[in-house]
Amino acid sequence: MKISYLIAILFLITMPFSLAQAQSPFENPKNLKVFPQDIPPDQLRSIMRNFSFALDQRCTYCHVREVTDDGGRMVFDEDDKDTKKSPVK
């Protein structure tokens, strides 16, 4: 019982550090073709979220998800997806 508490505490302590290392794709966007290059991150996040809700789809509907050994990551700066799915042209 004490071991499970210790593991839970260690997990809660180290979780913020792992989250801090992950960089948001909205902070330094690349390959923007419709939006201005200097769009504020909060505004870009809001617009992308609105597209997601309006289309009733996840980000992977339009963007590439790269599968890696440790899970996967979204690749927002590539144009490998079919452009016919783009909500904005």
Protein backbone atom coordinates (compact mmCIF):
# COMPACT_ATOMS: atom_id res chain seq x y z
CA MET A 1 0.00 0.00 0.00
CA LYS A 2 2.82 2.41 0.85
CA ILE A 3 4.55 1.61 -2.42
CA SER A 4 1.48 2.57 -4.45
CA TYR A 5 1.28 5.90 -2.58
CA LEU A 6 4.97 6.50 -3.25
CA ILE A 7 4.56 5.75 -6.95
CA ALA A 8 1.54 8.05 -7.19
CA ILE A 9 3.40 10.87 -5.45
CA LEU A 10 6.45 10.46 -7.71
CA PHE A 11 4.19 10.50 -10.76
CA LEU A 12 2.46 13.69 -9.64
CA ILE A 13 5.79 15.36 -8.90
CA THR A 14 7.42 14.49 -12.23
CA MET A 15 4.38 15.07 -14.46
CA PRO A 16 4.72 18.89 -14.68
CA PHE A 17 8.35 18.54 -15.78
CA SER A 18 7.45 16.27 -18.68
CA LEU A 19 4.60 18.55 -19.71
CA ALA A 20 6.86 21.60 -19.63
CA GLN A 21 9.25 20.02 -22.11
CA ALA A 22 6.55 19.53 -24.74
CA GLN A 23 6.39 22.60 -26.96
CA SER A 24 3.04 23.78 -28.23
CA PRO A 25 2.75 23.84 -32.03
CA PHE A 26 0.98 27.17 -31.70
CA GLU A 27 4.01 28.96 -30.23
CA ASN A 28 6.22 28.98 -33.35
CA PRO A 29 3.99 27.92 -36.22
CA LYS A 30 5.62 26.94 -39.50
CA ASN A 31 4.25 26.50 -43.00
CA LEU A 32 1.28 28.85 -42.51
CA LYS A 33 -0.30 29.48 -45.90
CA VAL A 34 -3.64 31.08 -45.03
CA PHE A 35 -2.93 32.80 -41.73
CA PRO A 36 -0.31 35.52 -41.20
CA GLN A 37 3.08 34.34 -39.93
CA ASP A 38 2.82 36.62 -36.88
CA ILE A 39 -0.61 35.41 -35.71
CA PRO A 40 -0.81 35.27 -31.90
CA PRO A 41 -0.66 31.68 -30.54
CA ASP A 42 -3.94 32.03 -28.63
CA GLN A 43 -5.76 33.22 -31.73
CA LEU A 44 -4.37 30.39 -33.87
CA ARG A 45 -5.30 27.82 -31.21
CA SER A 46 -8.83 29.22 -31.06
CA ILE A 47 -9.27 29.14 -34.83
CA MET A 48 -7.97 25.58 -35.11
CA ARG A 49 -10.22 24.45 -32.26
CA ASN A 50 -13.21 26.05 -34.00
CA PHE A 51 -12.36 24.14 -37.21
CA SER A 52 -12.14 20.93 -35.24
CA PHE A 53 -15.53 21.44 -33.59
CA ALA A 54 -17.21 22.67 -36.78
CA LEU A 55 -15.98 19.67 -38.78
CA ASP A 56 -16.61 17.29 -35.88
CA GLN A 57 -13.15 15.86 -36.49
CA ARG A 58 -9.84 15.58 -34.68
CA CYS A 59 -6.63 17.33 -35.80
CA THR A 60 -5.52 14.20 -37.69
CA TYR A 61 -8.33 14.71 -40.19
CA CYS A 62 -6.28 17.50 -41.80
CA HIS A 63 -2.83 17.12 -40.22
CA VAL A 64 -0.24 14.35 -40.20
CA ARG A 65 0.35 12.24 -37.09
CA GLU A 66 3.77 10.62 -37.01
CA VAL A 67 3.92 7.29 -35.17
CA THR A 68 7.08 6.81 -33.11
CA ASP A 69 8.36 4.19 -30.69
CA ASP A 70 7.21 6.26 -27.71
CA GLY A 71 3.71 6.85 -29.07
CA GLY A 72 3.38 9.56 -31.64
CA ARG A 73 3.34 13.26 -32.34
CA MET A 74 1.51 15.65 -34.59
CA VAL A 75 3.45 17.09 -37.52
CA PHE A 76 1.72 20.37 -38.27
CA ASP A 77 4.41 21.84 -40.53
CA GLU A 78 4.16 19.27 -43.34
CA ASP A 79 1.78 19.08 -46.28
CA ASP A 80 1.53 15.30 -46.61
CA LYS A 81 -2.26 15.16 -46.14
CA ASP A 82 -4.67 15.52 -49.04
CA THR A 83 -5.33 19.23 -49.52
CA LYS A 84 -8.94 18.55 -50.49
CA LYS A 85 -9.64 18.16 -46.78
CA SER A 86 -8.47 21.68 -46.02
CA PRO A 87 -11.31 23.80 -44.59
CA VAL A 88 -9.64 26.98 -45.88
CA LYS A 89 -8.03 27.52 -49.27
